[in-house]
Amino acid sequence: MDLGLKEKIVFVAAASQGLGKATAIEFAKEGAHVAICGRNTDSLALAKTEIEHAGTGSVLTIKGDLSLESDRKHILESILNQYGRIDVLVTNTGGPPTGKFEDFSMEQWNSTYESLLASTVSLIKGALPSMKKNNWGRIITITSISVKQPIENLLLSNSMRAAVVGLMKTLANDLGKHNITVNNIMPGYTKTNRLVGLLAKNPAMNTLTNEIPLQRFGNPEEFAAAVVFMASTRASYITGTSLAVDGGWIKNIL
């Protein structure tokens, strides 16, 4: 199946590891030019090698911290200077600390706002002009199953990621006339290096698969395939949705 992504300019945020890297690799397989950012130079270099080996397009890496507005500006300027446009934007950030309401200071709330909501707003603002100019674009957030079914001890994530989904639904309504689709992808428990490390430290976590109808954790490649499909020309009539890639973990009907 031709997904229509060859030569597209794709920016996957925070893609030096985990789900972001898996997603960037999948875009490269489709012939896209891929830009990624991350905070660690060594991780970025390793990711670039993997992404280049996966596809035929170019790979641009930019060091930066998405929680800082100055870095977000630098990242966007670097991509636009290199390619002149962004066709597909995939926003992605690491999760905030766990805890109860009383555990968090206002500084931690503000930090979570910057890393999750403000970063999404900034990246969309940077990508949107070229999408509108070309009357084509895809905006996708990598969010969490917690936006549909809040997870215990993930108060900051439950709160701020829900705000991101509200933003995306509103933008889907506003940007449809420009042929720009706007969607959220919600990963469930997926075997990234982070989850593998947690399982090694706490083997009891393996029982989480009992809550998943498919009775296993997901693979990063399975998640990445869903993101790439939603960015493709084949998904041109899908917008304003939140797609769970969770093995059926969410119990809601809708």
Protein backbone atom coordinates (compact mmCIF):
# COMPACT_ATOMS: atom_id res chain seq x y z
CA MET A 1 0.00 0.00 0.00
CA ASP A 2 1.40 3.37 -1.04
CA LEU A 3 0.87 5.79 1.86
CA GLY A 4 1.82 8.85 -0.17
CA LEU A 5 4.59 9.98 2.18
CA LYS A 6 7.60 9.80 -0.14
CA GLU A 7 9.53 13.10 -0.08
CA LYS A 8 7.26 14.55 2.62
CA ILE A 9 8.97 16.59 5.32
CA VAL A 10 8.20 14.99 8.68
CA PHE A 11 9.15 16.34 12.09
CA VAL A 12 8.91 13.87 14.97
CA ALA A 13 9.61 15.59 18.28
CA ALA A 14 11.63 13.91 21.04
CA ALA A 15 12.56 11.05 18.75
CA SER A 16 16.02 10.08 19.92
CA GLN A 17 14.54 7.04 21.68
CA GLY A 18 11.32 5.20 22.53
CA LEU A 19 8.10 5.65 20.61
CA GLY A 20 9.37 8.79 18.91
CA LYS A 21 12.35 6.98 17.39
CA ALA A 22 10.21 4.02 16.29
CA THR A 23 7.85 6.48 14.60
CA ALA A 24 10.68 8.32 12.85
CA ILE A 25 12.06 5.02 11.54
CA GLU A 26 8.64 4.06 10.17
CA PHE A 27 8.35 7.38 8.33
CA ALA A 28 11.81 6.85 6.86
CA LYS A 29 10.70 3.46 5.52
CA GLU A 30 8.01 5.31 3.57
CA GLY A 31 10.60 7.53 1.88
CA ALA A 32 10.03 10.68 3.92
CA HIS A 33 12.66 13.19 4.95
CA VAL A 34 12.72 13.09 8.74
CA ALA A 35 13.71 15.72 11.31
CA ILE A 36 14.02 14.79 14.97
CA CYS A 37 15.02 16.56 18.16
CA GLY A 38 16.27 15.43 21.54
CA ARG A 39 18.27 16.56 24.55
CA ASN A 40 21.16 14.09 24.31
CA THR A 41 23.71 14.41 21.51
CA ASP A 42 24.84 10.77 21.67
CA SER A 43 21.27 9.44 21.56
CA LEU A 44 20.49 11.69 18.61
CA ALA A 45 23.52 10.41 16.72
CA LEU A 46 22.55 6.78 17.29
CA ALA A 47 18.95 7.47 16.28
CA LYS A 48 20.07 9.26 13.11
CA THR A 49 22.07 6.20 12.04
CA GLU A 50 19.09 3.89 12.60
CA ILE A 51 16.69 6.18 10.75
CA GLU A 52 19.07 6.62 7.80
CA HIS A 53 19.48 2.87 7.47
CA ALA A 54 15.69 2.44 7.38
CA GLY A 55 14.96 4.71 4.44
CA THR A 56 16.22 6.72 1.49
CA GLY A 57 15.37 10.24 2.67
CA SER A 58 17.54 12.68 4.57
CA VAL A 59 17.63 12.88 8.37
CA LEU A 60 18.08 16.12 10.32
CA THR A 61 18.85 16.04 14.05
CA ILE A 62 18.57 19.06 16.33
CA LYS A 63 19.58 19.17 19.97
CA GLY A 64 17.01 20.92 22.12
CA ASP A 65 14.77 20.79 25.18
CA LEU A 66 11.08 21.04 24.28
CA SER A 67 10.26 22.49 27.69
CA LEU A 68 12.18 25.67 26.76
CA GLU A 69 10.63 28.17 24.36
CA SER A 70 14.06 29.30 23.14
CA ASP A 71 14.94 25.71 22.19
CA ARG A 72 11.57 25.17 20.52
CA LYS A 73 12.21 28.26 18.39
CA HIS A 74 15.69 27.01 17.48
CA ILE A 75 14.37 23.56 16.53
CA LEU A 76 11.68 24.96 14.26
CA GLU A 77 14.04 27.44 12.61
CA SER A 78 16.54 24.65 11.92
CA ILE A 79 13.92 22.51 10.18
CA LEU A 80 12.47 25.35 8.14
CA ASN A 81 15.94 26.57 7.12
CA GLN A 82 16.81 23.06 5.95
CA TYR A 83 13.58 22.07 4.20
CA GLY A 84 11.46 25.19 3.85
CA ARG A 85 8.33 23.53 5.18
CA ILE A 86 6.86 20.92 7.52
CA ASP A 87 4.28 18.58 5.99
CA VAL A 88 3.77 16.27 8.97
CA LEU A 89 4.20 17.30 12.61
CA VAL A 90 4.26 14.64 15.31
CA THR A 91 4.41 16.18 18.77
CA ASN A 92 5.84 14.05 21.54
CA THR A 93 7.31 14.59 25.01
CA GLY A 94 8.28 12.49 27.99
CA GLY A 95 5.85 11.98 30.83
CA PRO A 96 5.87 14.15 33.97
CA PRO A 97 6.52 12.79 37.50
CA THR A 98 4.01 10.54 39.23
CA GLY A 99 2.25 11.44 42.47
CA LYS A 100 -0.84 12.76 44.23
CA PHE A 101 -2.23 16.32 44.10
CA GLU A 102 -0.57 17.34 47.37
CA ASP A 103 2.82 16.17 46.13
CA PHE A 104 3.23 18.80 43.43
CA SER A 105 4.38 22.40 43.73
CA MET A 106 3.22 25.15 41.37
CA GLU A 107 6.69 25.01 39.81
CA GLN A 108 6.03 21.39 38.82
CA TRP A 109 2.62 22.31 37.40
CA ASN A 110 4.25 25.10 35.37
CA SER A 111 7.02 22.78 34.19
CA THR A 112 4.46 20.22 33.03
CA TYR A 113 2.52 22.95 31.23
CA GLU A 114 5.67 23.97 29.35
CA SER A 115 6.70 20.44 28.40
CA LEU A 116 3.27 19.11 27.40
CA LEU A 117 0.89 21.91 26.42
CA ALA A 118 3.08 24.91 25.60
CA SER A 119 5.47 22.78 23.55
CA THR A 120 2.56 21.45 21.48
CA VAL A 121 1.24 24.95 20.88
CA SER A 122 4.69 26.26 19.88
CA LEU A 123 5.41 23.44 17.45
CA ILE A 124 2.02 23.74 15.79
CA LYS A 125 2.46 27.50 15.42
CA GLY A 126 5.79 26.87 13.70
CA ALA A 127 4.53 24.19 11.33
CA LEU A 128 1.13 25.65 10.44
CA PRO A 129 2.08 28.47 8.01
CA SER A 130 3.69 26.13 5.48
CA MET A 131 0.86 23.62 5.82
CA LYS A 132 -1.71 26.33 5.09
CA LYS A 133 0.36 27.64 2.19
CA ASN A 134 0.47 24.18 0.61
CA ASN A 135 -3.14 23.34 1.53
CA TRP A 136 -1.98 20.03 3.01
CA GLY A 137 -0.78 18.91 6.40
CA ARG A 138 -0.93 16.40 9.20
CA ILE A 139 -0.71 17.28 12.90
CA ILE A 140 -0.52 14.32 15.26
CA THR A 141 0.12 14.21 18.98
CA ILE A 142 1.57 11.21 20.75
CA THR A 143 -0.44 11.44 23.94
CA SER A 144 -1.57 8.72 26.39
CA ILE A 145 -4.41 6.35 27.16
CA SER A 146 -4.84 8.46 30.32
CA VAL A 147 -6.79 11.06 28.32
CA LYS A 148 -9.63 8.53 27.93
CA GLN A 149 -9.21 6.65 31.20
CA PRO A 150 -7.18 8.50 33.89
CA ILE A 151 -4.39 6.44 35.42
CA GLU A 152 -3.76 6.44 39.16
CA ASN A 153 -0.79 8.54 40.33
CA LEU A 154 -0.49 10.24 36.94
CA LEU A 155 -2.27 13.44 37.96
CA LEU A 156 -0.04 15.82 36.01
CA SER A 157 -0.23 13.73 32.85
CA ASN A 158 -3.97 13.11 33.21
CA SER A 159 -4.60 16.85 33.53
CA MET A 160 -2.28 18.39 30.96
CA ARG A 161 -2.64 15.75 28.25
CA ALA A 162 -6.41 16.20 28.39
CA ALA A 163 -5.84 19.89 27.67
CA VAL A 164 -3.78 18.94 24.62
CA VAL A 165 -6.62 16.78 23.32
CA GLY A 166 -9.03 19.69 23.76
CA LEU A 167 -6.69 21.87 21.74
CA MET A 168 -6.40 19.28 18.99
CA LYS A 169 -10.15 18.77 18.66
CA THR A 170 -10.64 22.51 18.31
CA LEU A 171 -7.88 22.76 15.70
CA ALA A 172 -9.38 19.87 13.75
CA ASN A 173 -12.57 21.89 13.42
CA ASP A 174 -10.67 25.03 12.39
CA LEU A 175 -8.13 23.56 9.98
CA GLY A 176 -10.22 21.13 7.96
CA LYS A 177 -10.85 23.77 5.31
CA HIS A 178 -7.09 23.91 4.71
CA ASN A 179 -6.91 20.14 4.11
CA ILE A 180 -5.01 19.70 7.38
CA THR A 181 -5.98 16.77 9.57
CA VAL A 182 -5.44 16.85 13.34
CA ASN A 183 -5.43 13.69 15.44
CA ASN A 184 -4.17 12.13 18.66
CA ILE A 185 -2.58 8.70 19.01
CA MET A 186 -2.81 7.16 22.48
CA PRO A 187 -0.17 4.53 23.27
CA GLY A 188 -0.92 1.90 25.85
CA TYR A 189 1.67 -0.20 27.66
CA THR A 190 4.38 -0.56 25.04
CA LYS A 191 7.76 -2.31 25.34
CA THR A 192 10.05 0.66 25.03
CA ASN A 193 13.41 0.55 26.80
CA ARG A 194 11.80 2.48 29.64
CA LEU A 195 9.10 -0.15 30.21
CA VAL A 196 11.61 -2.98 29.86
CA GLY A 197 13.72 -1.34 32.59
CA LEU A 198 10.72 -0.94 34.86
CA LEU A 199 9.75 -4.58 34.35
CA ALA A 200 13.27 -5.68 35.26
CA LYS A 201 13.13 -3.70 38.50
CA ASN A 202 9.58 -4.75 39.32
CA PRO A 203 8.64 -8.11 37.73
CA ALA A 204 5.17 -7.86 39.30
CA MET A 205 4.37 -5.27 36.63
CA ASN A 206 4.13 -8.12 34.15
CA THR A 207 0.69 -8.81 35.57
CA LEU A 208 -0.48 -5.64 33.81
CA THR A 209 -0.98 -7.81 30.75
CA ASN A 210 -3.95 -9.37 32.56
CA GLU A 211 -5.77 -6.04 32.06
CA ILE A 212 -5.09 -6.05 28.31
CA PRO A 213 -7.47 -8.10 26.12
CA LEU A 214 -4.61 -9.07 23.79
CA GLN A 215 -2.73 -10.35 26.87
CA ARG A 216 0.61 -8.74 26.00
CA PHE A 217 2.45 -5.44 25.85
CA GLY A 218 2.61 -3.64 22.55
CA ASN A 219 5.71 -3.24 20.40
CA PRO A 220 6.98 0.23 19.41
CA GLU A 221 6.72 -0.76 15.74
CA GLU A 222 3.01 -1.47 16.12
CA PHE A 223 2.44 1.96 17.57
CA ALA A 224 4.59 3.65 14.91
CA ALA A 225 2.59 1.97 12.12
CA ALA A 226 -0.59 3.59 13.43
CA VAL A 227 0.99 7.04 13.51
CA VAL A 228 2.31 6.73 9.98
CA PHE A 229 -1.03 5.55 8.66
CA MET A 230 -2.80 8.54 10.27
CA ALA A 231 -0.29 10.82 8.53
CA SER A 232 -0.79 9.18 5.16
CA THR A 233 -2.90 10.16 2.19
CA ARG A 234 -4.96 7.02 2.89
CA ALA A 235 -6.19 8.62 6.13
CA SER A 236 -7.29 11.85 4.45
CA TYR A 237 -10.85 11.69 5.86
CA ILE A 238 -9.85 11.06 9.47
CA THR A 239 -9.56 14.12 11.70
CA GLY A 240 -10.44 15.16 15.23
CA THR A 241 -10.01 11.63 16.57
CA SER A 242 -8.07 10.01 19.40
CA LEU A 243 -6.87 6.56 18.36
CA ALA A 244 -5.89 4.08 21.07
CA VAL A 245 -3.06 1.66 20.32
CA ASP A 246 -3.43 -0.20 23.59
CA GLY A 247 -4.39 -3.81 22.91
CA GLY A 248 -7.92 -2.99 24.11
CA TRP A 249 -6.92 -1.71 27.59
CA ILE A 250 -9.34 1.23 27.54
CA LYS A 251 -12.75 0.04 28.67
CA ASN A 252 -14.79 3.00 27.36
CA ILE A 253 -17.24 2.37 24.53
CA LEU A 254 -16.16 5.57 22.74
